[in-house]
Amino acid sequence: PKITVYYHLTGSIAAVSSLLSGQCSSIGGQLCDYHFIRYEKTWEEAQKYCRKNHTDLATVSNQTDMKRLRSSTTAKPPYKAWIGLQENTPNIVWRWSLPGVNFSFRSWDKDEPKKTCAMTTSDGKWSSDDCNNKKPFFCYDDSVILIKKNMTWVDALYYCRDHYRDLVSITNQDEQLWVQERAKMASTPYVWLGLRYTCTLDFWFWVTDETVLYTNLDPDQSGDDCNVSGAMDRNGTHQWVKMIDDNYKFNFICSK
């Protein structure tokens, strides 16, 4: 059947972010939920626990995230808890537990870091300790999920809205890095995004109501064909390409 309205626009993601105090804005405005785990584990044990039961050890991309992470626990000060930041020896480079996340925001306490695994303290600063010491820790749940079902763009759109929130949108470089890590695990050469071209109005738009300001469209993808949607290349530089959505069935990424 002919689909006459592809873009059932929803409220902006920023409006949703204020609903839960435990939500984080990582990465680049996307949402996730922080969880304070009281079990005391080594950093590696905590990482395994978070990856099994949630998404990963907590990633913190800005001061707002730090405040939300702290608000996710009722533990009384003083406390120290692992976050997903570890020194990658022998290069002495600090990296987040989740692959593909830039280490740009820092909240180290004075004279830190001294050890190889990071923890947050009750005053919101980061300290460090031997990774083999046992402490409580913070996990988080991701805001996006790769669906390994092969569907047309329209069917993928309906699936995401029925089971999650919507097809994913990408509004900056951090979100691009976040989503492409999921795309790498796809079983199809491309994954559908929530990107659609309207011939009537002659522009690209995100189905989640964000304006297309940031773009990673392949420069060779010229023209103004109708009935095309955006997909991300699973490989290479993960550029976006336009596809006639009735002709292809791909995996896709939903936002939660």
C-alpha atoms as a PDB file:
ATOM      1  CA  PRO A   1       0.000   0.000   0.000  1.00  0.00           C
ATOM      2  CA  LYS A   2       1.090   3.573  -0.640  1.00  0.00           C
ATOM      3  CA  ILE A   3       2.445   5.386   2.401  1.00  0.00           C
ATOM      4  CA  THR A   4       1.464   9.043   2.243  1.00  0.00           C
ATOM      5  CA  VAL A   5       2.964  10.232   5.540  1.00  0.00           C
ATOM      6  CA  TYR A   6       6.417   8.966   6.428  1.00  0.00           C
ATOM      7  CA  TYR A   7       7.282  11.464   9.097  1.00  0.00           C
ATOM      8  CA  HIS A   8       5.132  11.182  12.183  1.00  0.00           C
ATOM      9  CA  LEU A   9       7.194  13.751  14.053  1.00  0.00           C
ATOM     10  CA  THR A  10       7.766  13.330  17.757  1.00  0.00           C
ATOM     11  CA  GLY A  11       8.893  15.724  20.459  1.00  0.00           C
ATOM     12  CA  SER A  12      12.544  16.633  20.552  1.00  0.00           C
ATOM     13  CA  ILE A  13      14.955  14.408  22.437  1.00  0.00           C
ATOM     14  CA  ALA A  14      15.936  17.352  24.627  1.00  0.00           C
ATOM     15  CA  ALA A  15      12.433  17.476  26.069  1.00  0.00           C
ATOM     16  CA  VAL A  16      12.658  13.847  27.067  1.00  0.00           C
ATOM     17  CA  SER A  17      16.011  14.303  28.790  1.00  0.00           C
ATOM     18  CA  SER A  18      14.485  16.126  31.742  1.00  0.00           C
ATOM     19  CA  LEU A  19      12.122  13.312  32.708  1.00  0.00           C
ATOM     20  CA  LEU A  20      14.494  11.176  34.779  1.00  0.00           C
ATOM     21  CA  SER A  21      17.247  12.466  37.009  1.00  0.00           C
ATOM     22  CA  GLY A  22      19.281   9.324  36.407  1.00  0.00           C
ATOM     23  CA  GLN A  23      19.419   9.796  32.652  1.00  0.00           C
ATOM     24  CA  CYS A  24      22.644  10.789  30.971  1.00  0.00           C
ATOM     25  CA  SER A  25      23.130  12.879  27.856  1.00  0.00           C
ATOM     26  CA  SER A  26      25.958  10.712  26.494  1.00  0.00           C
ATOM     27  CA  ILE A  27      26.903  10.821  23.798  1.00  0.00           C
ATOM     28  CA  GLY A  28      26.224  14.222  22.271  1.00  0.00           C
ATOM     29  CA  GLY A  29      22.678  14.514  23.563  1.00  0.00           C
ATOM     30  CA  GLN A  30      21.580  10.913  23.268  1.00  0.00           C
ATOM     31  CA  LEU A  31      19.947   9.406  26.321  1.00  0.00           C
ATOM     32  CA  CYS A  32      20.974   6.572  28.553  1.00  0.00           C
ATOM     33  CA  ASP A  33      20.214   5.489  32.104  1.00  0.00           C
ATOM     34  CA  TYR A  34      22.830   5.357  34.849  1.00  0.00           C
ATOM     35  CA  HIS A  35      22.673   2.631  37.487  1.00  0.00           C
ATOM     36  CA  PHE A  36      24.601   2.583  40.763  1.00  0.00           C
ATOM     37  CA  ILE A  37      25.587  -0.998  41.638  1.00  0.00           C
ATOM     38  CA  ARG A  38      26.377  -1.543  45.305  1.00  0.00           C
ATOM     39  CA  TYR A  39      28.195  -4.857  44.817  1.00  0.00           C
ATOM     40  CA  GLU A  40      31.926  -4.409  45.316  1.00  0.00           C
ATOM     41  CA  LYS A  41      33.960  -5.722  42.383  1.00  0.00           C
ATOM     42  CA  THR A  42      37.304  -5.164  40.701  1.00  0.00           C
ATOM     43  CA  TRP A  43      37.210  -2.834  37.691  1.00  0.00           C
ATOM     44  CA  GLU A  44      37.301  -5.765  35.254  1.00  0.00           C
ATOM     45  CA  GLU A  45      34.606  -7.659  37.180  1.00  0.00           C
ATOM     46  CA  ALA A  46      32.478  -4.510  37.177  1.00  0.00           C
ATOM     47  CA  GLN A  47      32.969  -4.150  33.419  1.00  0.00           C
ATOM     48  CA  LYS A  48      31.832  -7.744  32.845  1.00  0.00           C
ATOM     49  CA  TYR A  49      28.810  -7.249  35.101  1.00  0.00           C
ATOM     50  CA  CYS A  50      27.745  -4.069  33.291  1.00  0.00           C
ATOM     51  CA  ARG A  51      28.189  -5.608  29.843  1.00  0.00           C
ATOM     52  CA  LYS A  52      26.132  -8.633  30.848  1.00  0.00           C
ATOM     53  CA  ASN A  53      23.303  -6.829  32.632  1.00  0.00           C
ATOM     54  CA  HIS A  54      23.322  -3.367  31.052  1.00  0.00           C
ATOM     55  CA  THR A  55      25.436  -1.844  28.259  1.00  0.00           C
ATOM     56  CA  ASP A  56      28.812  -1.039  29.815  1.00  0.00           C
ATOM     57  CA  LEU A  57      30.541   0.745  32.662  1.00  0.00           C
ATOM     58  CA  ALA A  58      29.437   4.375  32.799  1.00  0.00           C
ATOM     59  CA  THR A  59      30.741   6.861  30.251  1.00  0.00           C
ATOM     60  CA  VAL A  60      30.677  10.568  31.165  1.00  0.00           C
ATOM     61  CA  SER A  61      30.900  13.121  28.359  1.00  0.00           C
ATOM     62  CA  ASN A  62      30.205  16.414  30.169  1.00  0.00           C
ATOM     63  CA  GLN A  63      29.464  18.019  33.524  1.00  0.00           C
ATOM     64  CA  THR A  64      25.729  17.489  33.073  1.00  0.00           C
ATOM     65  CA  ASP A  65      26.329  13.759  32.766  1.00  0.00           C
ATOM     66  CA  MET A  66      28.425  13.881  35.927  1.00  0.00           C
ATOM     67  CA  LYS A  67      25.589  15.500  37.874  1.00  0.00           C
ATOM     68  CA  ARG A  68      23.075  12.978  36.579  1.00  0.00           C
ATOM     69  CA  LEU A  69      25.364  10.090  37.392  1.00  0.00           C
ATOM     70  CA  ARG A  70      25.686  11.327  40.972  1.00  0.00           C
ATOM     71  CA  SER A  71      21.915  11.761  41.247  1.00  0.00           C
ATOM     72  CA  SER A  72      21.364   8.119  40.277  1.00  0.00           C
ATOM     73  CA  THR A  73      22.537   6.927  43.696  1.00  0.00           C
ATOM     74  CA  THR A  74      21.204   7.420  47.208  1.00  0.00           C
ATOM     75  CA  ALA A  75      24.501   6.262  48.710  1.00  0.00           C
ATOM     76  CA  LYS A  76      25.661   8.577  51.461  1.00  0.00           C
ATOM     77  CA  PRO A  77      29.048  10.325  51.163  1.00  0.00           C
ATOM     78  CA  PRO A  78      31.835   9.526  51.268  1.00  0.00           C
ATOM     79  CA  TYR A  79      31.813   6.856  48.589  1.00  0.00           C
ATOM     80  CA  LYS A  80      34.041   5.917  45.666  1.00  0.00           C
ATOM     81  CA  ALA A  81      32.761   3.934  42.691  1.00  0.00           C
ATOM     82  CA  TRP A  82      34.279   2.705  39.428  1.00  0.00           C
ATOM     83  CA  ILE A  83      33.401   4.373  36.129  1.00  0.00           C
ATOM     84  CA  GLY A  84      34.347   3.056  32.692  1.00  0.00           C
ATOM     85  CA  LEU A  85      37.681   4.826  32.357  1.00  0.00           C
ATOM     86  CA  GLN A  86      40.975   2.935  32.321  1.00  0.00           C
ATOM     87  CA  GLU A  87      44.586   3.672  31.442  1.00  0.00           C
ATOM     88  CA  ASN A  88      45.663   1.692  28.397  1.00  0.00           C
ATOM     89  CA  THR A  89      49.178   0.551  29.242  1.00  0.00           C
ATOM     90  CA  PRO A  90      51.909   0.625  27.986  1.00  0.00           C
ATOM     91  CA  ASN A  91      50.743   3.621  25.903  1.00  0.00           C
ATOM     92  CA  ILE A  92      49.571   5.481  29.019  1.00  0.00           C
ATOM     93  CA  VAL A  93      46.421   6.591  27.222  1.00  0.00           C
ATOM     94  CA  TRP A  94      43.122   6.808  29.072  1.00  0.00           C
ATOM     95  CA  ARG A  95      40.177   5.211  27.273  1.00  0.00           C
ATOM     96  CA  TRP A  96      36.513   4.655  27.974  1.00  0.00           C
ATOM     97  CA  SER A  97      35.349   1.069  28.305  1.00  0.00           C
ATOM     98  CA  LEU A  98      32.946   1.501  25.389  1.00  0.00           C
ATOM     99  CA  PRO A  99      34.823   1.433  22.030  1.00  0.00           C
ATOM    100  CA  GLY A 100      34.663   4.508  19.829  1.00  0.00           C
ATOM    101  CA  VAL A 101      34.018   7.094  22.554  1.00  0.00           C
ATOM    102  CA  ASN A 102      36.369  10.081  22.637  1.00  0.00           C
ATOM    103  CA  PHE A 103      38.084  10.915  25.922  1.00  0.00           C
ATOM    104  CA  SER A 104      37.643  14.695  25.809  1.00  0.00           C
ATOM    105  CA  PHE A 105      35.818  15.613  29.045  1.00  0.00           C
ATOM    106  CA  ARG A 106      37.913  15.377  32.221  1.00  0.00           C
ATOM    107  CA  SER A 107      37.023  15.854  35.865  1.00  0.00           C
ATOM    108  CA  TRP A 108      40.187  14.750  37.667  1.00  0.00           C
ATOM    109  CA  ASP A 109      40.753  15.730  41.270  1.00  0.00           C
ATOM    110  CA  LYS A 110      43.962  17.547  42.199  1.00  0.00           C
ATOM    111  CA  ASP A 111      47.144  15.509  41.578  1.00  0.00           C
ATOM    112  CA  GLU A 112      45.188  12.791  39.747  1.00  0.00           C
ATOM    113  CA  PRO A 113      45.418  10.357  38.035  1.00  0.00           C
ATOM    114  CA  LYS A 114      47.955   8.267  39.931  1.00  0.00           C
ATOM    115  CA  LYS A 115      46.691   4.733  39.292  1.00  0.00           C
ATOM    116  CA  THR A 116      45.214   2.924  36.271  1.00  0.00           C
ATOM    117  CA  CYS A 117      41.421   2.793  36.797  1.00  0.00           C
ATOM    118  CA  ALA A 118      39.110   5.747  37.398  1.00  0.00           C
ATOM    119  CA  MET A 119      36.455   6.166  40.042  1.00  0.00           C
ATOM    120  CA  THR A 120      34.110   8.970  40.949  1.00  0.00           C
ATOM    121  CA  THR A 121      34.011  10.421  44.432  1.00  0.00           C
ATOM    122  CA  SER A 122      31.126  11.903  46.385  1.00  0.00           C
ATOM    123  CA  ASP A 123      32.168  15.465  45.462  1.00  0.00           C
ATOM    124  CA  GLY A 124      31.890  14.729  41.733  1.00  0.00           C
ATOM    125  CA  LYS A 125      35.609  14.603  40.974  1.00  0.00           C
ATOM    126  CA  TRP A 126      37.493  11.641  39.522  1.00  0.00           C
ATOM    127  CA  SER A 127      40.138   9.788  41.442  1.00  0.00           C
ATOM    128  CA  SER A 128      42.026   6.614  40.538  1.00  0.00           C
ATOM    129  CA  ASP A 129      43.022   3.348  42.156  1.00  0.00           C
ATOM    130  CA  ASP A 130      44.514  -0.064  41.477  1.00  0.00           C
ATOM    131  CA  CYS A 131      42.105  -1.881  39.135  1.00  0.00           C
ATOM    132  CA  ASN A 132      42.209  -5.004  41.332  1.00  0.00           C
ATOM    133  CA  ASN A 133      40.688  -3.262  44.339  1.00  0.00           C
ATOM    134  CA  LYS A 134      36.978  -3.867  44.866  1.00  0.00           C
ATOM    135  CA  LYS A 135      34.439  -1.041  44.841  1.00  0.00           C
ATOM    136  CA  PRO A 136      30.813  -0.339  43.919  1.00  0.00           C
ATOM    137  CA  PHE A 137      30.392   0.967  40.380  1.00  0.00           C
ATOM    138  CA  PHE A 138      28.189   2.732  37.848  1.00  0.00           C
ATOM    139  CA  CYS A 139      26.683   1.014  34.782  1.00  0.00           C
ATOM    140  CA  TYR A 140      24.541   2.563  32.084  1.00  0.00           C
ATOM    141  CA  ASP A 141      21.982   1.406  29.533  1.00  0.00           C
ATOM    142  CA  ASP A 142      22.416   2.523  25.942  1.00  0.00           C
ATOM    143  CA  SER A 143      19.931   4.722  24.112  1.00  0.00           C
ATOM    144  CA  VAL A 144      20.289   2.989  20.731  1.00  0.00           C
ATOM    145  CA  ILE A 145      19.987  -0.624  19.667  1.00  0.00           C
ATOM    146  CA  LEU A 146      20.917  -2.479  16.479  1.00  0.00           C
ATOM    147  CA  ILE A 147      18.064  -4.637  15.187  1.00  0.00           C
ATOM    148  CA  LYS A 148      19.373  -7.541  13.131  1.00  0.00           C
ATOM    149  CA  LYS A 149      16.189  -7.982  11.125  1.00  0.00           C
ATOM    150  CA  ASN A 150      16.116  -7.257   7.397  1.00  0.00           C
ATOM    151  CA  MET A 151      13.344  -4.777   6.615  1.00  0.00           C
ATOM    152  CA  THR A 152      12.475  -1.982   4.225  1.00  0.00           C
ATOM    153  CA  TRP A 153      12.869   1.529   5.619  1.00  0.00           C
ATOM    154  CA  VAL A 154       9.130   1.920   6.205  1.00  0.00           C
ATOM    155  CA  ASP A 155       8.848  -1.414   8.009  1.00  0.00           C
ATOM    156  CA  ALA A 156      11.911  -0.525  10.099  1.00  0.00           C
ATOM    157  CA  LEU A 157      10.292   2.803  11.008  1.00  0.00           C
ATOM    158  CA  TYR A 158       7.121   1.080  12.207  1.00  0.00           C
ATOM    159  CA  TYR A 159       9.119  -1.571  14.063  1.00  0.00           C
ATOM    160  CA  CYS A 160      11.112   1.021  16.010  1.00  0.00           C
ATOM    161  CA  ARG A 161       7.985   2.978  16.903  1.00  0.00           C
ATOM    162  CA  ASP A 162       6.153  -0.156  17.994  1.00  0.00           C
ATOM    163  CA  HIS A 163       8.984  -1.623  20.082  1.00  0.00           C
ATOM    164  CA  TYR A 164      11.215   1.305  21.078  1.00  0.00           C
ATOM    165  CA  ARG A 165      11.038   5.029  20.293  1.00  0.00           C
ATOM    166  CA  ASP A 166      11.981   5.727  16.680  1.00  0.00           C
ATOM    167  CA  LEU A 167      14.572   5.163  13.985  1.00  0.00           C
ATOM    168  CA  VAL A 168      17.800   6.770  15.166  1.00  0.00           C
ATOM    169  CA  SER A 169      18.813  10.323  14.292  1.00  0.00           C
ATOM    170  CA  ILE A 170      22.373  11.693  14.187  1.00  0.00           C
ATOM    171  CA  THR A 171      22.875  15.373  14.907  1.00  0.00           C
ATOM    172  CA  ASN A 172      26.621  15.680  15.585  1.00  0.00           C
ATOM    173  CA  GLN A 173      29.979  13.922  15.277  1.00  0.00           C
ATOM    174  CA  ASP A 174      29.760  12.286  18.704  1.00  0.00           C
ATOM    175  CA  GLU A 175      26.436  10.678  17.831  1.00  0.00           C
ATOM    176  CA  GLN A 176      27.911   9.551  14.510  1.00  0.00           C
ATOM    177  CA  LEU A 177      30.711   7.747  16.377  1.00  0.00           C
ATOM    178  CA  TRP A 178      28.193   6.297  18.828  1.00  0.00           C
ATOM    179  CA  VAL A 179      25.920   4.896  16.105  1.00  0.00           C
ATOM    180  CA  GLN A 180      28.661   3.641  13.785  1.00  0.00           C
ATOM    181  CA  GLU A 181      29.965   1.357  16.540  1.00  0.00           C
ATOM    182  CA  ARG A 182      26.607  -0.417  16.400  1.00  0.00           C
ATOM    183  CA  ALA A 183      26.556  -0.387  12.600  1.00  0.00           C
ATOM    184  CA  LYS A 184      29.834  -2.340  12.559  1.00  0.00           C
ATOM    185  CA  MET A 185      27.987  -5.298  14.080  1.00  0.00           C
ATOM    186  CA  ALA A 186      25.252  -5.399  11.405  1.00  0.00           C
ATOM    187  CA  SER A 187      24.699  -8.454   9.217  1.00  0.00           C
ATOM    188  CA  THR A 188      23.841  -6.286   6.180  1.00  0.00           C
ATOM    189  CA  PRO A 189      26.207  -3.918   4.300  1.00  0.00           C
ATOM    190  CA  TYR A 190      24.095  -0.906   5.336  1.00  0.00           C
ATOM    191  CA  VAL A 191      21.802  -0.026   8.238  1.00  0.00           C
ATOM    192  CA  TRP A 192      18.733   2.193   8.004  1.00  0.00           C
ATOM    193  CA  LEU A 193      18.721   5.549   9.808  1.00  0.00           C
ATOM    194  CA  GLY A 194      15.753   7.800  10.541  1.00  0.00           C
ATOM    195  CA  LEU A 195      16.678   9.999   7.578  1.00  0.00           C
ATOM    196  CA  ARG A 196      14.181  10.722   4.806  1.00  0.00           C
ATOM    197  CA  TYR A 197      14.050  12.942   1.720  1.00  0.00           C
ATOM    198  CA  THR A 198      10.847  14.793   0.863  1.00  0.00           C
ATOM    199  CA  CYS A 199      10.344  15.778  -2.766  1.00  0.00           C
ATOM    200  CA  THR A 200       7.459  18.069  -1.874  1.00  0.00           C
ATOM    201  CA  LEU A 201       9.565  20.295   0.373  1.00  0.00           C
ATOM    202  CA  ASP A 202      12.926  19.455  -1.250  1.00  0.00           C
ATOM    203  CA  PHE A 203      15.007  18.656   1.836  1.00  0.00           C
ATOM    204  CA  TRP A 204      16.250  15.853   4.078  1.00  0.00           C
ATOM    205  CA  PHE A 205      14.773  15.503   7.557  1.00  0.00           C
ATOM    206  CA  TRP A 206      15.045  13.299  10.629  1.00  0.00           C
ATOM    207  CA  VAL A 207      11.863  11.486  11.609  1.00  0.00           C
ATOM    208  CA  THR A 208      12.541  12.435  15.245  1.00  0.00           C
ATOM    209  CA  ASP A 209      12.086  16.133  14.430  1.00  0.00           C
ATOM    210  CA  GLU A 210      15.758  17.161  14.640  1.00  0.00           C
ATOM    211  CA  THR A 211      17.015  19.512  11.948  1.00  0.00           C
ATOM    212  CA  VAL A 212      19.637  18.090   9.584  1.00  0.00           C
ATOM    213  CA  LEU A 213      22.519  20.415  10.446  1.00  0.00           C
ATOM    214  CA  TYR A 214      25.270  17.823  10.812  1.00  0.00           C
ATOM    215  CA  THR A 215      25.608  15.529   7.802  1.00  0.00           C
ATOM    216  CA  ASN A 216      27.820  12.637   6.767  1.00  0.00           C
ATOM    217  CA  LEU A 217      26.226  12.049   3.361  1.00  0.00           C
ATOM    218  CA  ASP A 218      28.521  10.581   0.731  1.00  0.00           C
ATOM    219  CA  PRO A 219      29.433  13.536  -1.568  1.00  0.00           C
ATOM    220  CA  ASP A 220      28.738  11.314  -4.574  1.00  0.00           C
ATOM    221  CA  GLN A 221      25.130  10.971  -3.406  1.00  0.00           C
ATOM    222  CA  SER A 222      23.760  13.811  -5.521  1.00  0.00           C
ATOM    223  CA  GLY A 223      20.338  14.286  -7.021  1.00  0.00           C
ATOM    224  CA  ASP A 224      16.862  14.704  -5.583  1.00  0.00           C
ATOM    225  CA  ASP A 225      15.237  11.324  -6.194  1.00  0.00           C
ATOM    226  CA  CYS A 226      11.911  10.704  -4.533  1.00  0.00           C
ATOM    227  CA  ASN A 227      11.159   7.759  -2.240  1.00  0.00           C
ATOM    228  CA  VAL A 228      14.690   7.615  -0.858  1.00  0.00           C
ATOM    229  CA  SER A 229      15.864   7.212   2.713  1.00  0.00           C
ATOM    230  CA  GLY A 230      19.217   7.383   4.464  1.00  0.00           C
ATOM    231  CA  ALA A 231      21.353   4.389   5.414  1.00  0.00           C
ATOM    232  CA  MET A 232      24.794   4.147   7.006  1.00  0.00           C
ATOM    233  CA  ASP A 233      27.615   2.129   5.470  1.00  0.00           C
ATOM    234  CA  ARG A 234      28.646  -0.625   7.869  1.00  0.00           C
ATOM    235  CA  ASN A 235      32.284  -0.382   6.755  1.00  0.00           C
ATOM    236  CA  GLY A 236      34.890   2.236   5.885  1.00  0.00           C
ATOM    237  CA  THR A 237      34.122   5.765   7.051  1.00  0.00           C
ATOM    238  CA  HIS A 238      30.472   4.879   7.739  1.00  0.00           C
ATOM    239  CA  GLN A 239      29.109   7.528   5.396  1.00  0.00           C
ATOM    240  CA  TRP A 240      25.394   7.910   4.786  1.00  0.00           C
ATOM    241  CA  VAL A 241      23.970   6.862   1.456  1.00  0.00           C
ATOM    242  CA  LYS A 242      20.545   7.275  -0.073  1.00  0.00           C
ATOM    243  CA  MET A 243      18.574   4.186  -0.957  1.00  0.00           C
ATOM    244  CA  ILE A 244      15.238   3.612  -2.662  1.00  0.00           C
ATOM    245  CA  ASP A 245      13.620   2.109   0.389  1.00  0.00           C
ATOM    246  CA  ASP A 246      11.206  -0.256  -1.374  1.00  0.00           C
ATOM    247  CA  ASN A 247      14.120  -1.996  -3.132  1.00  0.00           C
ATOM    248  CA  TYR A 248      16.292  -2.887  -0.134  1.00  0.00           C
ATOM    249  CA  LYS A 249      15.986  -4.645   3.196  1.00  0.00           C
ATOM    250  CA  PHE A 250      18.623  -3.874   5.826  1.00  0.00           C
ATOM    251  CA  ASN A 251      19.294  -4.089   9.537  1.00  0.00           C
ATOM    252  CA  PHE A 252      18.430  -0.845  11.314  1.00  0.00           C
ATOM    253  CA  ILE A 253      19.107   1.125  14.484  1.00  0.00           C
ATOM    254  CA  CYS A 254      16.360   2.241  16.852  1.00  0.00           C
ATOM    255  CA  SER A 255      16.521   4.881  19.556  1.00  0.00           C
ATOM    256  CA  LYS A 256      15.062   3.903  22.925  1.00  0.00           C
END
